[in-house]
Amino acid sequence: MWRDQSSGLRKRVRNSGNDGLSDLIDDKLTWFYNKLQEGIDQYVPVHKCKKDNFPCWFSNELKDKIRLKKAAHARYKKWKSQINYRNFSLLRSDCKKLSLMCYKSYVNRIESMIQSDPNCFWKFIKNKRRNNSDIPSNVFWDDLSADTGTDITNLFASYFESVYIPATILPILEYCSVIWSPYTDILTKQLERIQDKLCKYLSNTCWSRANASTSDDLRKHFKLNNLTNRRQVADMAFFYKVVNGIIDAPDICSSFEFAPANIMLRRKRLLKTTKSSKSYVVNGPHDRIVNLVNKLNGEVEFYGGTFSAFMSNIKRQLLMYT
């Protein structure tokens, strides 16, 4: 059917005469639009979209039953016969039973999808609001109750926090920063600019714009550490795991050599650095980690202990916000 209509539309546009049409491009375009609109009005069918006022959990069977119930009720109100009332009562009973079944099935489906697709839950809430359904004024969970909007919201937050597992997967940059870590100002600022955009977005949505002056102020307000310090924490975590055998990499472990004792130096170095004039060696993973270890030597115990205790100490030394 649509093929026939579309072919007719094309023929109408193709066979439209353009005699007397001026050479101006604007006039030609206006003529083409007018012919196209005439063809659409003639060949494209018009359908009126009907709004469905039923809740989203109503099945087609339930919708048909409700329509039959309304018709039976109208017949009973008109004729007042017992037969019509009996038919109306049976349909009303069927509608109630079927409505409970549909609603229960819908709620079970939403609960089963709440971990894979949380948006379904919030669509369910919005649908109940649109249909003026009763949303409970009192919410209970784990011996706690809430009856105000703020308390109910906090109770929902507590429930979802207990259900979901916090994200334990760090961004890819946190893992690859041990091998690839920028040392030039240009590359470092390019990465920091990503976090600056996040801070500006948060300031526009969660904070007064009048208080947003610089990126440093925004990071301070939202307690976000800069990416350079976070990369240093990743370097120290990698070094600890290598030298303590958590990561089985004997070749990498043997590359970290202890520095010889020298009483002439004010600061005691723990590890030897590689002497080179090449920037990729001096700023490479090995020397970068060695220099940071030597800097923190005396403040942090790198050998032995537990990894969690080591990371807590490292974060206190390197991060502004822990």
C-alpha atoms as a PDB file:
ATOM      1  CA  MET A   1       0.000   0.000   0.000  1.00  0.00           C
ATOM      2  CA  TRP A   2       2.751   2.466   0.943  1.00  0.00           C
ATOM      3  CA  ARG A   3       4.684   1.561  -2.222  1.00  0.00           C
ATOM      4  CA  ASP A   4       1.701   2.513  -4.356  1.00  0.00           C
ATOM      5  CA  GLN A   5       1.268   5.785  -2.476  1.00  0.00           C
ATOM      6  CA  SER A   6       4.969   6.683  -2.636  1.00  0.00           C
ATOM      7  CA  SER A   7       5.121   5.902  -6.369  1.00  0.00           C
ATOM      8  CA  GLY A   8       2.096   8.133  -6.922  1.00  0.00           C
ATOM      9  CA  LEU A   9       3.769  10.923  -4.975  1.00  0.00           C
ATOM     10  CA  ARG A  10       6.933  10.622  -7.071  1.00  0.00           C
ATOM     11  CA  LYS A  11       4.944  10.640 -10.326  1.00  0.00           C
ATOM     12  CA  ARG A  12       3.061  13.766  -9.268  1.00  0.00           C
ATOM     13  CA  VAL A  13       6.262  15.650  -8.468  1.00  0.00           C
ATOM     14  CA  ARG A  14       7.996  14.383 -11.625  1.00  0.00           C
ATOM     15  CA  ASN A  15       5.114  15.249 -13.957  1.00  0.00           C
ATOM     16  CA  SER A  16       4.438  18.675 -12.508  1.00  0.00           C
ATOM     17  CA  GLY A  17       4.959  21.298 -15.145  1.00  0.00           C
ATOM     18  CA  ASN A  18       7.269  24.199 -14.502  1.00  0.00           C
ATOM     19  CA  ASP A  19       6.203  26.463 -17.334  1.00  0.00           C
ATOM     20  CA  GLY A  20       6.524  30.128 -16.562  1.00  0.00           C
ATOM     21  CA  LEU A  21       8.837  29.479 -13.618  1.00  0.00           C
ATOM     22  CA  SER A  22      11.525  32.125 -13.157  1.00  0.00           C
ATOM     23  CA  ASP A  23      15.219  31.316 -13.058  1.00  0.00           C
ATOM     24  CA  LEU A  24      15.630  32.476  -9.463  1.00  0.00           C
ATOM     25  CA  ILE A  25      16.662  29.656  -7.160  1.00  0.00           C
ATOM     26  CA  ASP A  26      14.335  30.864  -4.386  1.00  0.00           C
ATOM     27  CA  ASP A  27      11.310  30.696  -6.696  1.00  0.00           C
ATOM     28  CA  LYS A  28      12.260  27.197  -7.842  1.00  0.00           C
ATOM     29  CA  LEU A  29      12.647  26.003  -4.269  1.00  0.00           C
ATOM     30  CA  THR A  30       9.289  27.484  -3.260  1.00  0.00           C
ATOM     31  CA  TRP A  31       7.614  25.839  -6.270  1.00  0.00           C
ATOM     32  CA  PHE A  32       9.169  22.466  -5.378  1.00  0.00           C
ATOM     33  CA  TYR A  33       8.019  22.694  -1.744  1.00  0.00           C
ATOM     34  CA  ASN A  34       4.475  23.592  -2.814  1.00  0.00           C
ATOM     35  CA  LYS A  35       4.265  20.642  -5.220  1.00  0.00           C
ATOM     36  CA  LEU A  36       5.708  18.315  -2.608  1.00  0.00           C
ATOM     37  CA  GLN A  37       3.182  19.475  -0.008  1.00  0.00           C
ATOM     38  CA  GLU A  38       0.310  18.985  -2.455  1.00  0.00           C
ATOM     39  CA  GLY A  39       1.496  15.443  -3.149  1.00  0.00           C
ATOM     40  CA  ILE A  40       1.810  14.677   0.552  1.00  0.00           C
ATOM     41  CA  ASP A  41      -1.712  15.945   1.205  1.00  0.00           C
ATOM     42  CA  GLN A  42      -3.063  13.752  -1.607  1.00  0.00           C
ATOM     43  CA  TYR A  43      -1.128  10.506  -1.172  1.00  0.00           C
ATOM     44  CA  VAL A  44       0.020  10.266   2.452  1.00  0.00           C
ATOM     45  CA  PRO A  45      -2.728   8.853   4.693  1.00  0.00           C
ATOM     46  CA  VAL A  46      -3.584  10.776   7.832  1.00  0.00           C
ATOM     47  CA  HIS A  47      -4.079   8.885  11.073  1.00  0.00           C
ATOM     48  CA  LYS A  48      -5.317  10.377  14.286  1.00  0.00           C
ATOM     49  CA  CYS A  49      -3.246   9.238  17.266  1.00  0.00           C
ATOM     50  CA  LYS A  50      -5.399   8.202  20.176  1.00  0.00           C
ATOM     51  CA  LYS A  51      -4.065   8.795  23.655  1.00  0.00           C
ATOM     52  CA  ASP A  52      -4.092   5.737  25.875  1.00  0.00           C
ATOM     53  CA  ASN A  53      -5.276   6.755  29.340  1.00  0.00           C
ATOM     54  CA  PHE A  54      -4.732   3.331  30.862  1.00  0.00           C
ATOM     55  CA  PRO A  55      -1.789   2.739  33.226  1.00  0.00           C
ATOM     56  CA  CYS A  56       1.231   1.067  31.685  1.00  0.00           C
ATOM     57  CA  TRP A  57       0.723  -2.220  33.554  1.00  0.00           C
ATOM     58  CA  PHE A  58      -2.728  -2.817  32.024  1.00  0.00           C
ATOM     59  CA  SER A  59      -2.731  -5.722  29.595  1.00  0.00           C
ATOM     60  CA  ASN A  60      -4.751  -5.729  26.374  1.00  0.00           C
ATOM     61  CA  GLU A  61      -7.102  -8.282  27.884  1.00  0.00           C
ATOM     62  CA  LEU A  62      -7.746  -6.035  30.877  1.00  0.00           C
ATOM     63  CA  LYS A  63      -8.369  -3.020  28.630  1.00  0.00           C
ATOM     64  CA  ASP A  64     -10.941  -4.982  26.626  1.00  0.00           C
ATOM     65  CA  LYS A  65     -12.619  -6.156  29.853  1.00  0.00           C
ATOM     66  CA  ILE A  66     -12.847  -2.577  31.123  1.00  0.00           C
ATOM     67  CA  ARG A  67     -14.465  -1.418  27.883  1.00  0.00           C
ATOM     68  CA  LEU A  68     -16.982  -4.272  28.103  1.00  0.00           C
ATOM     69  CA  LYS A  69     -17.634  -3.407  31.747  1.00  0.00           C
ATOM     70  CA  LYS A  70     -18.362   0.234  30.874  1.00  0.00           C
ATOM     71  CA  ALA A  71     -20.750  -0.838  28.128  1.00  0.00           C
ATOM     72  CA  ALA A  72     -22.506  -3.297  30.482  1.00  0.00           C
ATOM     73  CA  HIS A  73     -22.791  -0.604  33.138  1.00  0.00           C
ATOM     74  CA  ALA A  74     -24.348   1.787  30.612  1.00  0.00           C
ATOM     75  CA  ARG A  75     -26.907  -0.870  29.597  1.00  0.00           C
ATOM     76  CA  TYR A  76     -27.780  -1.525  33.241  1.00  0.00           C
ATOM     77  CA  LYS A  77     -28.224   2.193  33.995  1.00  0.00           C
ATOM     78  CA  LYS A  78     -30.515   2.481  30.975  1.00  0.00           C
ATOM     79  CA  TRP A  79     -32.692  -0.625  31.381  1.00  0.00           C
ATOM     80  CA  LYS A  80     -32.315  -1.497  35.105  1.00  0.00           C
ATOM     81  CA  SER A  81     -32.646  -5.240  34.485  1.00  0.00           C
ATOM     82  CA  GLN A  82     -31.171  -7.953  36.700  1.00  0.00           C
ATOM     83  CA  ILE A  83     -29.582  -9.712  33.727  1.00  0.00           C
ATOM     84  CA  ASN A  84     -27.693  -6.571  32.770  1.00  0.00           C
ATOM     85  CA  TYR A  85     -26.637  -6.052  36.390  1.00  0.00           C
ATOM     86  CA  ARG A  86     -25.411  -9.659  36.616  1.00  0.00           C
ATOM     87  CA  ASN A  87     -23.324  -9.236  33.452  1.00  0.00           C
ATOM     88  CA  PHE A  88     -21.933  -5.968  34.789  1.00  0.00           C
ATOM     89  CA  SER A  89     -21.080  -7.568  38.167  1.00  0.00           C
ATOM     90  CA  LEU A  90     -19.267 -10.483  36.527  1.00  0.00           C
ATOM     91  CA  LEU A  91     -17.230  -8.154  34.322  1.00  0.00           C
ATOM     92  CA  ARG A  92     -16.429  -5.909  37.298  1.00  0.00           C
ATOM     93  CA  SER A  93     -15.213  -8.902  39.298  1.00  0.00           C
ATOM     94  CA  ASP A  94     -13.093 -10.111  36.384  1.00  0.00           C
ATOM     95  CA  CYS A  95     -11.579  -6.631  35.986  1.00  0.00           C
ATOM     96  CA  LYS A  96     -10.598  -6.461  39.662  1.00  0.00           C
ATOM     97  CA  LYS A  97      -8.950  -9.882  39.617  1.00  0.00           C
ATOM     98  CA  LEU A  98      -7.176  -9.251  36.335  1.00  0.00           C
ATOM     99  CA  SER A  99      -6.039  -5.796  37.489  1.00  0.00           C
ATOM    100  CA  LEU A 100      -4.420  -7.249  40.617  1.00  0.00           C
ATOM    101  CA  MET A 101      -2.702  -9.929  38.549  1.00  0.00           C
ATOM    102  CA  CYS A 102      -1.389  -7.409  36.011  1.00  0.00           C
ATOM    103  CA  TYR A 103      -0.145  -5.029  38.693  1.00  0.00           C
ATOM    104  CA  LYS A 104       1.584  -7.797  40.633  1.00  0.00           C
ATOM    105  CA  SER A 105       3.224  -9.106  37.473  1.00  0.00           C
ATOM    106  CA  TYR A 106       4.358  -5.584  36.568  1.00  0.00           C
ATOM    107  CA  VAL A 107       5.857  -4.933  40.025  1.00  0.00           C
ATOM    108  CA  ASN A 108       7.674  -8.276  39.967  1.00  0.00           C
ATOM    109  CA  ARG A 109       9.114  -7.422  36.568  1.00  0.00           C
ATOM    110  CA  ILE A 110      10.281  -4.005  37.811  1.00  0.00           C
ATOM    111  CA  GLU A 111      11.889  -5.549  40.901  1.00  0.00           C
ATOM    112  CA  SER A 112      13.705  -8.135  38.803  1.00  0.00           C
ATOM    113  CA  MET A 113      15.067  -5.412  36.493  1.00  0.00           C
ATOM    114  CA  ILE A 114      16.037  -2.904  39.180  1.00  0.00           C
ATOM    115  CA  GLN A 115      19.702  -3.923  39.139  1.00  0.00           C
ATOM    116  CA  SER A 116      20.051  -4.195  35.374  1.00  0.00           C
ATOM    117  CA  ASP A 117      17.874  -1.176  34.512  1.00  0.00           C
ATOM    118  CA  PRO A 118      17.118   1.200  37.453  1.00  0.00           C
ATOM    119  CA  ASN A 119      15.305   3.596  35.113  1.00  0.00           C
ATOM    120  CA  CYS A 120      12.350   1.205  35.058  1.00  0.00           C
ATOM    121  CA  PHE A 121      11.756   1.888  38.750  1.00  0.00           C
ATOM    122  CA  TRP A 122      11.694   5.653  38.291  1.00  0.00           C
ATOM    123  CA  LYS A 123       9.415   5.307  35.251  1.00  0.00           C
ATOM    124  CA  PHE A 124       7.102   3.321  37.504  1.00  0.00           C
ATOM    125  CA  ILE A 125       7.070   6.159  40.069  1.00  0.00           C
ATOM    126  CA  LYS A 126       6.461   8.820  37.404  1.00  0.00           C
ATOM    127  CA  ASN A 127       3.650   6.762  35.911  1.00  0.00           C
ATOM    128  CA  LYS A 128       1.932   6.516  39.291  1.00  0.00           C
ATOM    129  CA  ARG A 129       2.191  10.290  39.681  1.00  0.00           C
ATOM    130  CA  ARG A 130       0.736  10.921  36.221  1.00  0.00           C
ATOM    131  CA  ASN A 131      -2.178   8.612  36.929  1.00  0.00           C
ATOM    132  CA  ASN A 132      -2.809  10.225  40.345  1.00  0.00           C
ATOM    133  CA  SER A 133      -2.295   6.880  42.041  1.00  0.00           C
ATOM    134  CA  ASP A 134      -1.653   6.696  45.743  1.00  0.00           C
ATOM    135  CA  ILE A 135       2.044   6.865  46.565  1.00  0.00           C
ATOM    136  CA  PRO A 136       2.467   5.924  50.238  1.00  0.00           C
ATOM    137  CA  SER A 137       3.015   8.872  52.553  1.00  0.00           C
ATOM    138  CA  ASN A 138       4.901   6.618  54.987  1.00  0.00           C
ATOM    139  CA  VAL A 139       7.797   4.432  53.868  1.00  0.00           C
ATOM    140  CA  PHE A 140       9.329   1.701  56.021  1.00  0.00           C
ATOM    141  CA  TRP A 141      12.611  -0.169  55.641  1.00  0.00           C
ATOM    142  CA  ASP A 142      14.806  -2.039  58.124  1.00  0.00           C
ATOM    143  CA  ASP A 143      12.970  -0.801  61.253  1.00  0.00           C
ATOM    144  CA  LEU A 144      13.162   2.766  59.918  1.00  0.00           C
ATOM    145  CA  SER A 145      10.274   4.954  58.833  1.00  0.00           C
ATOM    146  CA  ALA A 146       9.969   8.201  56.898  1.00  0.00           C
ATOM    147  CA  ASP A 147       7.015  10.494  56.306  1.00  0.00           C
ATOM    148  CA  THR A 148       8.528  13.604  54.700  1.00  0.00           C
ATOM    149  CA  GLY A 149       9.937  14.069  51.236  1.00  0.00           C
ATOM    150  CA  THR A 150      13.519  14.517  52.423  1.00  0.00           C
ATOM    151  CA  ASP A 151      13.381  11.573  54.831  1.00  0.00           C
ATOM    152  CA  ILE A 152      11.802   9.307  52.209  1.00  0.00           C
ATOM    153  CA  THR A 153      14.505  10.282  49.717  1.00  0.00           C
ATOM    154  CA  ASN A 154      17.249   9.539  52.248  1.00  0.00           C
ATOM    155  CA  LEU A 155      15.620   6.209  53.084  1.00  0.00           C
ATOM    156  CA  PHE A 156      15.596   5.264  49.411  1.00  0.00           C
ATOM    157  CA  ALA A 157      19.255   6.286  49.179  1.00  0.00           C
ATOM    158  CA  SER A 158      20.113   4.076  52.162  1.00  0.00           C
ATOM    159  CA  TYR A 159      18.293   1.136  50.612  1.00  0.00           C
ATOM    160  CA  PHE A 160      19.973   1.443  47.221  1.00  0.00           C
ATOM    161  CA  GLU A 161      23.353   1.910  48.899  1.00  0.00           C
ATOM    162  CA  SER A 162      22.853  -1.429  50.656  1.00  0.00           C
ATOM    163  CA  VAL A 163      21.767  -3.169  47.447  1.00  0.00           C
ATOM    164  CA  TYR A 164      24.400  -1.933  45.030  1.00  0.00           C
ATOM    165  CA  ILE A 165      28.102  -2.657  45.258  1.00  0.00           C
ATOM    166  CA  PRO A 166      30.290   0.461  44.999  1.00  0.00           C
ATOM    167  CA  ALA A 167      32.334   0.706  41.822  1.00  0.00           C
ATOM    168  CA  THR A 168      35.655  -1.067  42.319  1.00  0.00           C
ATOM    169  CA  ILE A 169      36.906  -0.580  38.757  1.00  0.00           C
ATOM    170  CA  LEU A 170      39.090   2.483  38.411  1.00  0.00           C
ATOM    171  CA  PRO A 171      39.293   4.443  35.159  1.00  0.00           C
ATOM    172  CA  ILE A 172      41.664   3.090  32.530  1.00  0.00           C
ATOM    173  CA  LEU A 173      44.016   6.008  33.116  1.00  0.00           C
ATOM    174  CA  GLU A 174      44.503   4.854  36.710  1.00  0.00           C
ATOM    175  CA  TYR A 175      45.880   1.528  35.454  1.00  0.00           C
ATOM    176  CA  CYS A 176      47.915   2.648  32.460  1.00  0.00           C
ATOM    177  CA  SER A 177      49.393   5.669  34.261  1.00  0.00           C
ATOM    178  CA  VAL A 178      52.232   3.478  35.597  1.00  0.00           C
ATOM    179  CA  ILE A 179      53.451   2.950  32.025  1.00  0.00           C
ATOM    180  CA  TRP A 180      52.132   6.126  30.458  1.00  0.00           C
ATOM    181  CA  SER A 181      52.289   9.203  32.657  1.00  0.00           C
ATOM    182  CA  PRO A 182      52.634  12.673  31.123  1.00  0.00           C
ATOM    183  CA  TYR A 183      55.592  14.718  32.276  1.00  0.00           C
ATOM    184  CA  THR A 184      55.230  17.801  30.086  1.00  0.00           C
ATOM    185  CA  ASP A 185      53.071  20.708  31.205  1.00  0.00           C
ATOM    186  CA  ILE A 186      50.976  20.580  28.035  1.00  0.00           C
ATOM    187  CA  LEU A 187      49.943  16.935  28.434  1.00  0.00           C
ATOM    188  CA  THR A 188      49.419  17.312  32.176  1.00  0.00           C
ATOM    189  CA  LYS A 189      47.106  20.287  31.678  1.00  0.00           C
ATOM    190  CA  GLN A 190      45.177  18.448  28.958  1.00  0.00           C
ATOM    191  CA  LEU A 191      44.325  15.697  31.421  1.00  0.00           C
ATOM    192  CA  GLU A 192      43.526  18.128  34.222  1.00  0.00           C
ATOM    193  CA  ARG A 193      41.194  19.949  31.849  1.00  0.00           C
ATOM    194  CA  ILE A 194      38.955  16.858  31.795  1.00  0.00           C
ATOM    195  CA  GLN A 195      38.462  17.073  35.550  1.00  0.00           C
ATOM    196  CA  ASP A 196      38.030  20.845  35.324  1.00  0.00           C
ATOM    197  CA  LYS A 197      35.081  20.316  32.948  1.00  0.00           C
ATOM    198  CA  LEU A 198      33.533  17.953  35.474  1.00  0.00           C
ATOM    199  CA  CYS A 199      33.965  20.556  38.214  1.00  0.00           C
ATOM    200  CA  LYS A 200      32.308  23.228  36.084  1.00  0.00           C
ATOM    201  CA  TYR A 201      29.404  20.908  35.334  1.00  0.00           C
ATOM    202  CA  LEU A 202      28.963  20.156  39.030  1.00  0.00           C
ATOM    203  CA  SER A 203      29.136  23.847  39.865  1.00  0.00           C
ATOM    204  CA  ASN A 204      26.345  24.620  37.398  1.00  0.00           C
ATOM    205  CA  THR A 205      24.076  21.855  38.682  1.00  0.00           C
ATOM    206  CA  CYS A 206      24.915  21.502  42.377  1.00  0.00           C
ATOM    207  CA  TRP A 207      26.465  24.774  43.442  1.00  0.00           C
ATOM    208  CA  SER A 208      25.887  28.486  43.064  1.00  0.00           C
ATOM    209  CA  ARG A 209      27.627  29.894  40.006  1.00  0.00           C
ATOM    210  CA  ALA A 210      28.593  33.001  41.951  1.00  0.00           C
ATOM    211  CA  ASN A 211      30.977  30.969  44.115  1.00  0.00           C
ATOM    212  CA  ALA A 212      32.724  29.313  41.151  1.00  0.00           C
ATOM    213  CA  SER A 213      35.843  31.375  40.508  1.00  0.00           C
ATOM    214  CA  THR A 214      38.750  29.079  39.576  1.00  0.00           C
ATOM    215  CA  SER A 215      39.259  25.385  38.924  1.00  0.00           C
ATOM    216  CA  ASP A 216      41.292  25.091  42.124  1.00  0.00           C
ATOM    217  CA  ASP A 217      38.399  26.523  44.134  1.00  0.00           C
ATOM    218  CA  LEU A 218      36.001  24.060  42.535  1.00  0.00           C
ATOM    219  CA  ARG A 219      38.264  21.079  43.237  1.00  0.00           C
ATOM    220  CA  LYS A 220      38.634  22.284  46.802  1.00  0.00           C
ATOM    221  CA  HIS A 221      34.884  22.633  47.225  1.00  0.00           C
ATOM    222  CA  PHE A 222      34.125  19.185  45.813  1.00  0.00           C
ATOM    223  CA  LYS A 223      37.211  17.673  47.494  1.00  0.00           C
ATOM    224  CA  LEU A 224      38.703  16.317  44.281  1.00  0.00           C
ATOM    225  CA  ASN A 225      42.404  15.525  44.187  1.00  0.00           C
ATOM    226  CA  ASN A 226      44.332  16.524  41.093  1.00  0.00           C
ATOM    227  CA  LEU A 227      45.166  13.770  38.635  1.00  0.00           C
ATOM    228  CA  THR A 228      48.934  14.137  39.082  1.00  0.00           C
ATOM    229  CA  ASN A 229      48.752  13.106  42.731  1.00  0.00           C
ATOM    230  CA  ARG A 230      46.380  10.276  41.886  1.00  0.00           C
ATOM    231  CA  ARG A 231      48.895   8.951  39.362  1.00  0.00           C
ATOM    232  CA  GLN A 232      51.581   9.082  42.046  1.00  0.00           C
ATOM    233  CA  VAL A 233      49.380   6.967  44.328  1.00  0.00           C
ATOM    234  CA  ALA A 234      48.988   4.433  41.500  1.00  0.00           C
ATOM    235  CA  ASP A 235      52.779   4.349  41.045  1.00  0.00           C
ATOM    236  CA  MET A 236      53.359   3.656  44.736  1.00  0.00           C
ATOM    237  CA  ALA A 237      50.694   0.945  44.789  1.00  0.00           C
ATOM    238  CA  PHE A 238      52.402  -0.751  41.839  1.00  0.00           C
ATOM    239  CA  PHE A 239      55.840  -0.507  43.487  1.00  0.00           C
ATOM    240  CA  TYR A 240      54.586  -1.973  46.769  1.00  0.00           C
ATOM    241  CA  LYS A 241      52.924  -4.914  45.023  1.00  0.00           C
ATOM    242  CA  VAL A 242      56.047  -5.676  42.981  1.00  0.00           C
ATOM    243  CA  VAL A 243      58.622  -5.534  45.789  1.00  0.00           C
ATOM    244  CA  ASN A 244      56.391  -7.433  48.228  1.00  0.00           C
ATOM    245  CA  GLY A 245      55.526 -10.248  45.821  1.00  0.00           C
ATOM    246  CA  ILE A 246      51.850  -9.398  45.351  1.00  0.00           C
ATOM    247  CA  ILE A 247      52.596  -9.004  41.636  1.00  0.00           C
ATOM    248  CA  ASP A 248      54.786 -11.830  40.352  1.00  0.00           C
ATOM    249  CA  ALA A 249      57.291  -9.859  38.268  1.00  0.00           C
ATOM    250  CA  PRO A 250      60.870 -10.821  39.267  1.00  0.00           C
ATOM    251  CA  ASP A 251      62.446  -8.913  36.360  1.00  0.00           C
ATOM    252  CA  ILE A 252      60.750  -5.676  37.366  1.00  0.00           C
ATOM    253  CA  CYS A 253      61.519  -6.287  41.041  1.00  0.00           C
ATOM    254  CA  SER A 254      65.235  -6.834  40.328  1.00  0.00           C
ATOM    255  CA  SER A 255      65.405  -3.513  38.446  1.00  0.00           C
ATOM    256  CA  PHE A 256      64.825  -1.650  41.718  1.00  0.00           C
ATOM    257  CA  GLU A 257      68.304  -1.731  43.252  1.00  0.00           C
ATOM    258  CA  PHE A 258      69.165  -0.381  46.677  1.00  0.00           C
ATOM    259  CA  ALA A 259      71.353   2.717  46.670  1.00  0.00           C
ATOM    260  CA  PRO A 260      74.781   2.381  48.317  1.00  0.00           C
ATOM    261  CA  ALA A 261      75.191   4.061  51.682  1.00  0.00           C
ATOM    262  CA  ASN A 262      76.812   7.484  51.454  1.00  0.00           C
ATOM    263  CA  ILE A 263      77.414   9.499  54.595  1.00  0.00           C
ATOM    264  CA  MET A 264      78.100  12.647  52.525  1.00  0.00           C
ATOM    265  CA  LEU A 265      74.462  12.938  51.440  1.00  0.00           C
ATOM    266  CA  ARG A 266      72.041  14.730  53.742  1.00  0.00           C
ATOM    267  CA  ARG A 267      69.091  12.683  52.517  1.00  0.00           C
ATOM    268  CA  LYS A 268      69.458   8.941  52.478  1.00  0.00           C
ATOM    269  CA  ARG A 269      68.335   7.440  49.184  1.00  0.00           C
ATOM    270  CA  LEU A 270      66.656   4.068  49.240  1.00  0.00           C
ATOM    271  CA  LEU A 271      66.979   3.143  45.552  1.00  0.00           C
ATOM    272  CA  LYS A 272      69.413   3.855  42.743  1.00  0.00           C
ATOM    273  CA  THR A 273      68.360   5.962  39.788  1.00  0.00           C
ATOM    274  CA  THR A 274      69.472   5.459  36.207  1.00  0.00           C
ATOM    275  CA  LYS A 275      71.953   8.014  34.917  1.00  0.00           C
ATOM    276  CA  SER A 276      70.895   9.097  31.454  1.00  0.00           C
ATOM    277  CA  SER A 277      70.515  12.217  29.349  1.00  0.00           C
ATOM    278  CA  LYS A 278      67.440  10.835  27.597  1.00  0.00           C
ATOM    279  CA  SER A 279      64.180  12.409  28.746  1.00  0.00           C
ATOM    280  CA  TYR A 280      62.186   9.226  28.137  1.00  0.00           C
ATOM    281  CA  VAL A 281      64.516   7.404  30.570  1.00  0.00           C
ATOM    282  CA  VAL A 282      64.565  10.087  33.252  1.00  0.00           C
ATOM    283  CA  ASN A 283      60.778  10.511  33.078  1.00  0.00           C
ATOM    284  CA  GLY A 284      60.060   6.843  32.409  1.00  0.00           C
ATOM    285  CA  PRO A 285      58.245   4.530  34.820  1.00  0.00           C
ATOM    286  CA  HIS A 286      61.387   3.204  36.552  1.00  0.00           C
ATOM    287  CA  ASP A 287      63.102   6.480  37.427  1.00  0.00           C
ATOM    288  CA  ARG A 288      59.810   8.243  38.144  1.00  0.00           C
ATOM    289  CA  ILE A 289      58.872   5.599  40.707  1.00  0.00           C
ATOM    290  CA  VAL A 290      62.402   5.494  42.160  1.00  0.00           C
ATOM    291  CA  ASN A 291      62.495   9.270  42.647  1.00  0.00           C
ATOM    292  CA  LEU A 292      59.134   9.249  44.393  1.00  0.00           C
ATOM    293  CA  VAL A 293      60.198   6.344  46.633  1.00  0.00           C
ATOM    294  CA  ASN A 294      63.367   8.208  47.598  1.00  0.00           C
ATOM    295  CA  LYS A 295      61.319  11.326  48.312  1.00  0.00           C
ATOM    296  CA  LEU A 296      58.950   9.453  50.627  1.00  0.00           C
ATOM    297  CA  ASN A 297      61.673   7.347  52.243  1.00  0.00           C
ATOM    298  CA  GLY A 298      61.523   7.805  55.988  1.00  0.00           C
ATOM    299  CA  GLU A 299      57.834   8.751  55.922  1.00  0.00           C
ATOM    300  CA  VAL A 300      56.509   5.505  54.436  1.00  0.00           C
ATOM    301  CA  GLU A 301      57.452   1.877  55.059  1.00  0.00           C
ATOM    302  CA  PHE A 302      57.632   0.207  51.647  1.00  0.00           C
ATOM    303  CA  TYR A 303      58.554  -3.314  52.718  1.00  0.00           C
ATOM    304  CA  GLY A 304      56.304  -5.510  54.829  1.00  0.00           C
ATOM    305  CA  GLY A 305      53.028  -4.655  56.503  1.00  0.00           C
ATOM    306  CA  THR A 306      49.641  -4.834  54.856  1.00  0.00           C
ATOM    307  CA  PHE A 307      48.674  -3.283  51.566  1.00  0.00           C
ATOM    308  CA  SER A 308      45.679  -1.455  53.077  1.00  0.00           C
ATOM    309  CA  ALA A 309      47.847   0.153  55.767  1.00  0.00           C
ATOM    310  CA  PHE A 310      50.429   1.134  53.152  1.00  0.00           C
ATOM    311  CA  MET A 311      47.796   2.720  50.896  1.00  0.00           C
ATOM    312  CA  SER A 312      46.297   4.654  53.802  1.00  0.00           C
ATOM    313  CA  ASN A 313      49.716   6.084  54.627  1.00  0.00           C
ATOM    314  CA  ILE A 314      50.495   6.872  50.984  1.00  0.00           C
ATOM    315  CA  LYS A 315      47.206   8.711  50.514  1.00  0.00           C
ATOM    316  CA  ARG A 316      47.853  10.780  53.626  1.00  0.00           C
ATOM    317  CA  GLN A 317      51.261  11.736  52.238  1.00  0.00           C
ATOM    318  CA  LEU A 318      50.247  12.493  48.650  1.00  0.00           C
ATOM    319  CA  LEU A 319      46.568  13.390  48.565  1.00  0.00           C
ATOM    320  CA  MET A 320      44.903  16.458  49.954  1.00  0.00           C
ATOM    321  CA  TYR A 321      41.557  14.680  50.334  1.00  0.00           C
ATOM    322  CA  THR A 322      41.360  11.038  51.446  1.00  0.00           C
END
